[in-house]
Amino acid sequence: MDRKEMLAKLAPCGLYCGKCLAFAGGPIQEHALALAELLGENFGAYAERFSHVEPAFAHFDQFKELLDYLGKGECRGCREGGCLFKTCKVAACAREKVVDFCYECESFPCDTHGLPERLENIWRLNNERMRDKGLETFAKVQDTKPRYP
């Protein structure tokens, strides 16, 4: 993965946008679209019939709603203004400080991130790992892990 691709998939905070459920062109979107295509437009009628044999199919409408959402993939990452966390100030700060990642800033770690506590811990750990192990190594590891462990 070259630096341009890393910047597209990795947010300045270190979250791996490339596997986010909302990321455009990401594997979740691709798999959701593929599954919807494999099931076809008329699977709802089959699910209703199958529900008499397997009760799980009675929930197909809810599953289809979620599958359609996952297939949208509308986010291009926070570098493109797509962050799902509205209180996050990391992308704007990184642009202001002219850095790609927080660990590159002389003020890291700081208190200006705007992240909730759980994400603050992830932000700090991710940036420390990028700094200590190198961006390429960090990106390779993130690319092999589930996005939501």
N, C-alpha and C. Protein backbone atom coordinates (compact mmCIF):
# COMPACT_ATOMS: atom_id res chain seq x y z
N MET A 1 0.85 -1.17 0.00
CA MET A 1 0.00 0.00 0.00
C MET A 1 0.90 1.24 0.00
N ASP A 2 0.70 2.11 -0.97
CA ASP A 2 1.52 3.33 -1.02
C ASP A 2 0.94 4.40 -0.08
N ARG A 3 1.68 5.48 0.09
CA ARG A 3 1.28 6.51 1.05
C ARG A 3 -0.07 7.13 0.69
N LYS A 4 -0.33 7.35 -0.58
CA LYS A 4 -1.60 7.94 -1.00
C LYS A 4 -2.77 7.04 -0.57
N GLU A 5 -2.64 5.74 -0.75
CA GLU A 5 -3.68 4.81 -0.34
C GLU A 5 -3.81 4.77 1.19
N MET A 6 -2.67 4.83 1.88
CA MET A 6 -2.70 4.86 3.35
C MET A 6 -3.44 6.10 3.84
N LEU A 7 -3.20 7.24 3.22
CA LEU A 7 -3.87 8.47 3.62
C LEU A 7 -5.37 8.41 3.34
N ALA A 8 -5.76 7.69 2.28
CA ALA A 8 -7.18 7.55 1.97
C ALA A 8 -7.88 6.64 2.97
N LYS A 9 -7.17 5.64 3.47
CA LYS A 9 -7.79 4.64 4.35
C LYS A 9 -7.58 4.89 5.84
N LEU A 10 -6.54 5.64 6.19
CA LEU A 10 -6.24 5.90 7.60
C LEU A 10 -6.53 7.36 7.94
N ALA A 11 -7.35 7.56 8.95
CA ALA A 11 -7.65 8.91 9.41
C ALA A 11 -6.47 9.46 10.20
N PRO A 12 -6.37 10.79 10.34
CA PRO A 12 -5.28 11.37 11.13
C PRO A 12 -5.25 10.85 12.57
N CYS A 13 -6.41 10.43 13.08
CA CYS A 13 -6.48 9.90 14.44
C CYS A 13 -5.96 8.47 14.51
N GLY A 14 -5.82 7.80 13.36
CA GLY A 14 -5.34 6.43 13.33
C GLY A 14 -6.43 5.40 13.16
N LEU A 15 -7.71 5.83 13.15
CA LEU A 15 -8.77 4.87 12.86
C LEU A 15 -8.66 4.44 11.40
N TYR A 16 -8.96 3.18 11.16
CA TYR A 16 -8.83 2.62 9.81
C TYR A 16 -10.16 2.80 9.07
N CYS A 17 -10.32 3.91 8.41
CA CYS A 17 -11.54 4.23 7.67
C CYS A 17 -11.81 3.22 6.56
N GLY A 18 -10.77 2.65 5.99
CA GLY A 18 -10.91 1.76 4.85
C GLY A 18 -11.81 0.57 5.08
N LYS A 19 -12.00 0.18 6.34
CA LYS A 19 -12.88 -0.95 6.64
C LYS A 19 -14.14 -0.53 7.40
N CYS A 20 -14.37 0.75 7.51
CA CYS A 20 -15.55 1.25 8.21
C CYS A 20 -16.81 0.83 7.44
N LEU A 21 -17.89 0.60 8.17
CA LEU A 21 -19.14 0.18 7.53
C LEU A 21 -19.71 1.25 6.60
N ALA A 22 -19.27 2.49 6.72
CA ALA A 22 -19.79 3.57 5.88
C ALA A 22 -18.82 3.96 4.76
N PHE A 23 -17.64 3.33 4.69
CA PHE A 23 -16.60 3.75 3.74
C PHE A 23 -16.94 3.36 2.31
N ALA A 24 -16.92 4.34 1.41
CA ALA A 24 -17.19 4.11 -0.01
C ALA A 24 -16.10 3.25 -0.63
N GLY A 25 -16.49 2.16 -1.24
CA GLY A 25 -15.54 1.28 -1.91
C GLY A 25 -14.83 0.33 -0.97
N GLY A 26 -15.21 0.33 0.29
CA GLY A 26 -14.60 -0.56 1.26
C GLY A 26 -15.16 -1.97 1.16
N PRO A 27 -14.53 -2.91 1.84
CA PRO A 27 -14.97 -4.30 1.76
C PRO A 27 -16.37 -4.54 2.30
N ILE A 28 -16.82 -3.79 3.29
CA ILE A 28 -18.17 -3.98 3.80
C ILE A 28 -19.19 -3.59 2.74
N GLN A 29 -18.98 -2.45 2.10
CA GLN A 29 -19.88 -2.05 1.03
C GLN A 29 -19.85 -3.07 -0.11
N GLU A 30 -18.67 -3.47 -0.51
CA GLU A 30 -18.54 -4.42 -1.62
C GLU A 30 -19.25 -5.74 -1.32
N HIS A 31 -19.07 -6.26 -0.11
CA HIS A 31 -19.71 -7.54 0.24
C HIS A 31 -21.22 -7.40 0.39
N ALA A 32 -21.67 -6.28 0.92
CA ALA A 32 -23.12 -6.05 1.05
C ALA A 32 -23.77 -5.99 -0.33
N LEU A 33 -23.14 -5.29 -1.26
CA LEU A 33 -23.68 -5.21 -2.62
C LEU A 33 -23.66 -6.58 -3.30
N ALA A 34 -22.57 -7.32 -3.08
CA ALA A 34 -22.47 -8.65 -3.69
C ALA A 34 -23.55 -9.59 -3.13
N LEU A 35 -23.76 -9.55 -1.82
CA LEU A 35 -24.78 -10.41 -1.21
C LEU A 35 -26.17 -10.02 -1.71
N ALA A 36 -26.45 -8.73 -1.78
CA ALA A 36 -27.75 -8.28 -2.29
C ALA A 36 -27.95 -8.76 -3.73
N GLU A 37 -26.90 -8.69 -4.53
CA GLU A 37 -26.99 -9.15 -5.92
C GLU A 37 -27.20 -10.66 -5.98
N LEU A 38 -26.49 -11.40 -5.15
CA LEU A 38 -26.66 -12.86 -5.14
C LEU A 38 -28.07 -13.27 -4.71
N LEU A 39 -28.63 -12.57 -3.73
CA LEU A 39 -29.98 -12.88 -3.29
C LEU A 39 -31.02 -12.48 -4.33
N GLY A 40 -30.76 -11.41 -5.05
CA GLY A 40 -31.68 -10.94 -6.08
C GLY A 40 -32.81 -10.09 -5.51
N GLU A 41 -33.49 -9.42 -6.39
CA GLU A 41 -34.56 -8.49 -6.00
C GLU A 41 -35.76 -9.18 -5.37
N ASN A 42 -35.99 -10.42 -5.72
CA ASN A 42 -37.21 -11.11 -5.31
C ASN A 42 -37.03 -12.02 -4.10
N PHE A 43 -35.90 -11.94 -3.42
CA PHE A 43 -35.66 -12.88 -2.32
C PHE A 43 -36.65 -12.71 -1.18
N GLY A 44 -37.22 -11.54 -1.01
CA GLY A 44 -38.19 -11.32 0.06
C GLY A 44 -39.34 -12.31 0.01
N ALA A 45 -39.84 -12.60 -1.18
CA ALA A 45 -40.93 -13.58 -1.32
C ALA A 45 -40.47 -14.97 -0.90
N TYR A 46 -39.24 -15.31 -1.26
CA TYR A 46 -38.70 -16.61 -0.86
C TYR A 46 -38.49 -16.66 0.66
N ALA A 47 -38.01 -15.56 1.23
CA ALA A 47 -37.78 -15.50 2.67
C ALA A 47 -39.08 -15.74 3.42
N GLU A 48 -40.17 -15.16 2.91
CA GLU A 48 -41.46 -15.38 3.55
C GLU A 48 -41.84 -16.86 3.55
N ARG A 49 -41.63 -17.52 2.42
CA ARG A 49 -41.92 -18.96 2.34
C ARG A 49 -40.99 -19.77 3.23
N PHE A 50 -39.71 -19.40 3.22
CA PHE A 50 -38.71 -20.13 4.03
C PHE A 50 -38.98 -19.95 5.53
N SER A 51 -39.64 -18.84 5.90
CA SER A 51 -39.85 -18.56 7.33
C SER A 51 -40.73 -19.62 8.00
N HIS A 52 -41.50 -20.36 7.21
CA HIS A 52 -42.33 -21.43 7.78
C HIS A 52 -41.49 -22.63 8.19
N VAL A 53 -40.31 -22.74 7.57
CA VAL A 53 -39.40 -23.84 7.89
C VAL A 53 -38.29 -23.37 8.84
N GLU A 54 -37.82 -22.14 8.61
CA GLU A 54 -36.75 -21.56 9.43
C GLU A 54 -37.20 -20.17 9.88
N PRO A 55 -37.53 -19.99 11.16
CA PRO A 55 -38.06 -18.72 11.66
C PRO A 55 -37.14 -17.51 11.44
N ALA A 56 -35.86 -17.72 11.30
CA ALA A 56 -34.94 -16.60 11.09
C ALA A 56 -35.31 -15.79 9.84
N PHE A 57 -35.88 -16.43 8.85
CA PHE A 57 -36.24 -15.73 7.62
C PHE A 57 -37.39 -14.75 7.81
N ALA A 58 -38.10 -14.86 8.92
CA ALA A 58 -39.19 -13.92 9.21
C ALA A 58 -38.65 -12.50 9.42
N HIS A 59 -37.36 -12.38 9.67
CA HIS A 59 -36.73 -11.08 9.91
C HIS A 59 -36.01 -10.53 8.67
N PHE A 60 -36.32 -11.10 7.52
CA PHE A 60 -35.61 -10.69 6.31
C PHE A 60 -35.77 -9.20 6.01
N ASP A 61 -36.92 -8.62 6.25
CA ASP A 61 -37.12 -7.19 5.96
C ASP A 61 -36.12 -6.33 6.74
N GLN A 62 -35.90 -6.67 8.01
CA GLN A 62 -34.93 -5.92 8.82
C GLN A 62 -33.52 -6.16 8.30
N PHE A 63 -33.22 -7.40 7.95
CA PHE A 63 -31.91 -7.72 7.39
C PHE A 63 -31.68 -6.94 6.09
N LYS A 64 -32.69 -6.89 5.25
CA LYS A 64 -32.59 -6.19 3.96
C LYS A 64 -32.35 -4.70 4.17
N GLU A 65 -33.01 -4.13 5.17
CA GLU A 65 -32.80 -2.71 5.48
C GLU A 65 -31.34 -2.45 5.87
N LEU A 66 -30.80 -3.31 6.72
CA LEU A 66 -29.39 -3.16 7.12
C LEU A 66 -28.46 -3.41 5.93
N LEU A 67 -28.74 -4.43 5.14
CA LEU A 67 -27.92 -4.73 3.96
C LEU A 67 -27.90 -3.55 2.99
N ASP A 68 -29.06 -2.94 2.78
CA ASP A 68 -29.13 -1.76 1.91
C ASP A 68 -28.29 -0.61 2.47
N TYR A 69 -28.35 -0.41 3.79
CA TYR A 69 -27.55 0.64 4.41
C TYR A 69 -26.06 0.36 4.22
N LEU A 70 -25.65 -0.87 4.49
CA LEU A 70 -24.24 -1.23 4.34
C LEU A 70 -23.77 -1.12 2.90
N GLY A 71 -24.67 -1.29 1.96
CA GLY A 71 -24.33 -1.19 0.55
C GLY A 71 -24.18 0.23 0.05
N LYS A 72 -24.62 1.22 0.84
CA LYS A 72 -24.51 2.62 0.41
C LYS A 72 -23.06 3.07 0.35
N GLY A 73 -22.30 2.86 1.42
CA GLY A 73 -20.90 3.27 1.45
C GLY A 73 -20.68 4.68 0.97
N GLU A 74 -21.22 5.64 1.68
CA GLU A 74 -21.18 7.03 1.22
C GLU A 74 -20.00 7.84 1.74
N CYS A 75 -19.28 7.34 2.74
CA CYS A 75 -18.22 8.12 3.37
C CYS A 75 -16.88 7.94 2.62
N ARG A 76 -16.18 9.00 2.44
CA ARG A 76 -14.86 8.97 1.80
C ARG A 76 -13.74 9.15 2.82
N GLY A 77 -14.09 9.14 4.09
CA GLY A 77 -13.08 9.32 5.13
C GLY A 77 -13.06 10.76 5.63
N CYS A 78 -12.50 10.94 6.80
CA CYS A 78 -12.55 12.28 7.41
C CYS A 78 -11.66 13.29 6.69
N ARG A 79 -10.68 12.82 5.96
CA ARG A 79 -9.86 13.78 5.20
C ARG A 79 -10.69 14.45 4.11
N GLU A 80 -11.81 13.81 3.77
CA GLU A 80 -12.73 14.36 2.77
C GLU A 80 -13.99 14.90 3.44
N GLY A 81 -13.95 15.10 4.76
CA GLY A 81 -15.07 15.68 5.49
C GLY A 81 -16.15 14.69 5.86
N GLY A 82 -15.82 13.39 5.93
CA GLY A 82 -16.86 12.40 6.17
C GLY A 82 -16.89 11.77 7.54
N CYS A 83 -16.27 12.33 8.53
CA CYS A 83 -16.21 11.69 9.85
C CYS A 83 -17.60 11.53 10.46
N LEU A 84 -17.86 10.34 11.00
CA LEU A 84 -19.14 10.06 11.65
C LEU A 84 -19.23 10.67 13.04
N PHE A 85 -18.09 11.02 13.65
CA PHE A 85 -18.05 11.57 14.99
C PHE A 85 -18.03 13.09 14.90
N LYS A 86 -19.19 13.70 15.09
CA LYS A 86 -19.34 15.14 14.86
C LYS A 86 -18.53 16.00 15.82
N THR A 87 -18.15 15.48 16.97
CA THR A 87 -17.37 16.28 17.93
C THR A 87 -15.87 16.20 17.64
N CYS A 88 -15.48 15.33 16.73
CA CYS A 88 -14.05 15.12 16.45
C CYS A 88 -13.45 16.37 15.81
N LYS A 89 -12.30 16.77 16.34
CA LYS A 89 -11.58 17.94 15.83
C LYS A 89 -10.23 17.56 15.22
N VAL A 90 -9.98 16.26 15.12
CA VAL A 90 -8.66 15.78 14.70
C VAL A 90 -8.32 16.17 13.27
N ALA A 91 -9.22 15.92 12.33
CA ALA A 91 -8.92 16.22 10.92
C ALA A 91 -8.64 17.70 10.70
N ALA A 92 -9.46 18.55 11.30
CA ALA A 92 -9.26 20.01 11.16
C ALA A 92 -7.94 20.42 11.78
N CYS A 93 -7.62 19.86 12.94
CA CYS A 93 -6.36 20.19 13.61
C CYS A 93 -5.16 19.74 12.78
N ALA A 94 -5.25 18.53 12.21
CA ALA A 94 -4.16 18.01 11.39
C ALA A 94 -3.93 18.91 10.17
N ARG A 95 -5.02 19.37 9.55
CA ARG A 95 -4.88 20.29 8.42
C ARG A 95 -4.22 21.59 8.87
N GLU A 96 -4.66 22.11 10.00
CA GLU A 96 -4.12 23.36 10.54
C GLU A 96 -2.63 23.22 10.86
N LYS A 97 -2.26 22.08 11.43
CA LYS A 97 -0.86 21.86 11.84
C LYS A 97 0.00 21.32 10.69
N VAL A 98 -0.63 21.07 9.54
CA VAL A 98 0.03 20.55 8.33
C VAL A 98 0.75 19.23 8.64
N VAL A 99 0.00 18.28 9.21
CA VAL A 99 0.50 16.93 9.45
C VAL A 99 -0.54 15.95 8.92
N ASP A 100 -0.08 14.76 8.58
CA ASP A 100 -1.00 13.73 8.12
C ASP A 100 -1.61 12.94 9.28
N PHE A 101 -0.84 12.79 10.35
CA PHE A 101 -1.27 12.03 11.52
C PHE A 101 -0.87 12.78 12.78
N CYS A 102 -1.61 12.58 13.83
CA CYS A 102 -1.37 13.31 15.09
C CYS A 102 0.03 13.07 15.64
N TYR A 103 0.55 11.86 15.51
CA TYR A 103 1.87 11.57 16.07
C TYR A 103 2.97 12.42 15.44
N GLU A 104 2.71 12.99 14.26
CA GLU A 104 3.69 13.84 13.59
C GLU A 104 3.73 15.26 14.17
N CYS A 105 2.76 15.58 15.00
CA CYS A 105 2.65 16.91 15.59
C CYS A 105 3.47 16.99 16.87
N GLU A 106 4.15 18.11 17.07
CA GLU A 106 4.96 18.28 18.28
C GLU A 106 4.10 18.37 19.54
N SER A 107 2.81 18.64 19.40
CA SER A 107 1.91 18.75 20.55
C SER A 107 1.27 17.40 20.95
N PHE A 108 1.52 16.35 20.17
CA PHE A 108 0.92 15.05 20.48
C PHE A 108 1.56 14.45 21.72
N PRO A 109 0.77 13.89 22.63
CA PRO A 109 -0.69 13.91 22.69
C PRO A 109 -1.20 15.23 23.26
N CYS A 110 -2.38 15.62 22.84
CA CYS A 110 -2.97 16.88 23.28
C CYS A 110 -4.40 16.64 23.77
N ASP A 111 -5.05 17.70 24.14
CA ASP A 111 -6.43 17.60 24.63
C ASP A 111 -7.43 18.25 23.67
N THR A 112 -7.02 18.53 22.44
CA THR A 112 -7.89 19.25 21.51
C THR A 112 -8.59 18.34 20.50
N HIS A 113 -8.58 17.04 20.72
CA HIS A 113 -9.11 16.07 19.75
C HIS A 113 -10.63 16.05 19.66
N GLY A 114 -11.33 16.31 20.77
CA GLY A 114 -12.80 16.30 20.76
C GLY A 114 -13.42 14.92 20.72
N LEU A 115 -12.65 13.89 21.03
CA LEU A 115 -13.15 12.52 20.98
C LEU A 115 -13.69 12.06 22.32
N PRO A 116 -14.71 11.18 22.30
CA PRO A 116 -15.16 10.60 23.56
C PRO A 116 -14.05 9.72 24.15
N GLU A 117 -14.12 9.44 25.43
CA GLU A 117 -13.03 8.77 26.15
C GLU A 117 -12.56 7.48 25.48
N ARG A 118 -13.48 6.62 25.09
CA ARG A 118 -13.09 5.35 24.46
C ARG A 118 -12.27 5.59 23.19
N LEU A 119 -12.74 6.51 22.35
CA LEU A 119 -12.01 6.82 21.12
C LEU A 119 -10.72 7.57 21.40
N GLU A 120 -10.70 8.35 22.46
CA GLU A 120 -9.47 9.04 22.83
C GLU A 120 -8.36 8.02 23.11
N ASN A 121 -8.70 6.96 23.81
CA ASN A 121 -7.72 5.92 24.10
C ASN A 121 -7.23 5.23 22.83
N ILE A 122 -8.14 4.94 21.92
CA ILE A 122 -7.77 4.33 20.64
C ILE A 122 -6.91 5.28 19.83
N TRP A 123 -7.29 6.56 19.80
CA TRP A 123 -6.53 7.60 19.09
C TRP A 123 -5.08 7.64 19.60
N ARG A 124 -4.94 7.67 20.91
CA ARG A 124 -3.61 7.76 21.50
C ARG A 124 -2.78 6.50 21.16
N LEU A 125 -3.38 5.32 21.37
CA LEU A 125 -2.67 4.06 21.09
C LEU A 125 -2.29 3.93 19.62
N ASN A 126 -3.24 4.24 18.74
CA ASN A 126 -2.95 4.13 17.30
C ASN A 126 -1.81 5.04 16.89
N ASN A 127 -1.82 6.26 17.35
CA ASN A 127 -0.76 7.20 16.98
C ASN A 127 0.58 6.82 17.59
N GLU A 128 0.57 6.27 18.80
CA GLU A 128 1.82 5.78 19.39
C GLU A 128 2.37 4.60 18.60
N ARG A 129 1.48 3.72 18.15
CA ARG A 129 1.91 2.57 17.32
C ARG A 129 2.47 3.03 15.98
N MET A 130 1.81 4.00 15.34
CA MET A 130 2.31 4.52 14.06
C MET A 130 3.69 5.13 14.27
N ARG A 131 3.85 5.91 15.32
CA ARG A 131 5.13 6.55 15.62
C ARG A 131 6.21 5.51 15.90
N ASP A 132 5.89 4.49 16.72
CA ASP A 132 6.88 3.53 17.18
C ASP A 132 7.21 2.44 16.15
N LYS A 133 6.20 1.99 15.41
CA LYS A 133 6.40 0.87 14.47
C LYS A 133 6.54 1.31 13.02
N GLY A 134 6.14 2.54 12.74
CA GLY A 134 6.17 3.06 11.38
C GLY A 134 4.80 2.97 10.74
N LEU A 135 4.51 3.92 9.89
CA LEU A 135 3.20 4.02 9.26
C LEU A 135 2.89 2.80 8.39
N GLU A 136 3.85 2.35 7.61
CA GLU A 136 3.62 1.22 6.71
C GLU A 136 3.27 -0.05 7.48
N THR A 137 4.02 -0.32 8.54
CA THR A 137 3.77 -1.51 9.36
C THR A 137 2.39 -1.41 10.02
N PHE A 138 2.08 -0.25 10.56
CA PHE A 138 0.78 -0.04 11.19
C PHE A 138 -0.35 -0.27 10.18
N ALA A 139 -0.24 0.30 8.99
CA ALA A 139 -1.27 0.17 7.97
C ALA A 139 -1.45 -1.28 7.55
N LYS A 140 -0.36 -2.02 7.39
CA LYS A 140 -0.45 -3.45 7.02
C LYS A 140 -1.19 -4.24 8.07
N VAL A 141 -0.89 -3.99 9.33
CA VAL A 141 -1.56 -4.70 10.42
C VAL A 141 -3.04 -4.36 10.42
N GLN A 142 -3.38 -3.07 10.29
CA GLN A 142 -4.78 -2.65 10.30
C GLN A 142 -5.55 -3.26 9.14
N ASP A 143 -4.88 -3.43 8.01
CA ASP A 143 -5.52 -3.98 6.83
C ASP A 143 -5.89 -5.45 7.00
N THR A 144 -5.24 -6.14 7.93
CA THR A 144 -5.51 -7.56 8.13
C THR A 144 -6.47 -7.83 9.31
N LYS A 145 -6.73 -6.82 10.13
CA LYS A 145 -7.58 -6.99 11.31
C LYS A 145 -9.03 -6.66 10.99
N PRO A 146 -9.97 -7.25 11.74
CA PRO A 146 -11.36 -6.81 11.59
C PRO A 146 -11.49 -5.36 12.04
N ARG A 147 -12.34 -4.61 11.41
CA ARG A 147 -12.53 -3.20 11.76
C ARG A 147 -13.20 -3.07 13.12
N TYR A 148 -14.05 -4.01 13.43
CA TYR A 148 -14.79 -3.96 14.70
C TYR A 148 -14.47 -5.22 15.52
N PRO A 149 -13.29 -5.22 16.18
CA PRO A 149 -12.87 -6.43 16.91
C PRO A 149 -13.74 -6.73 18.12
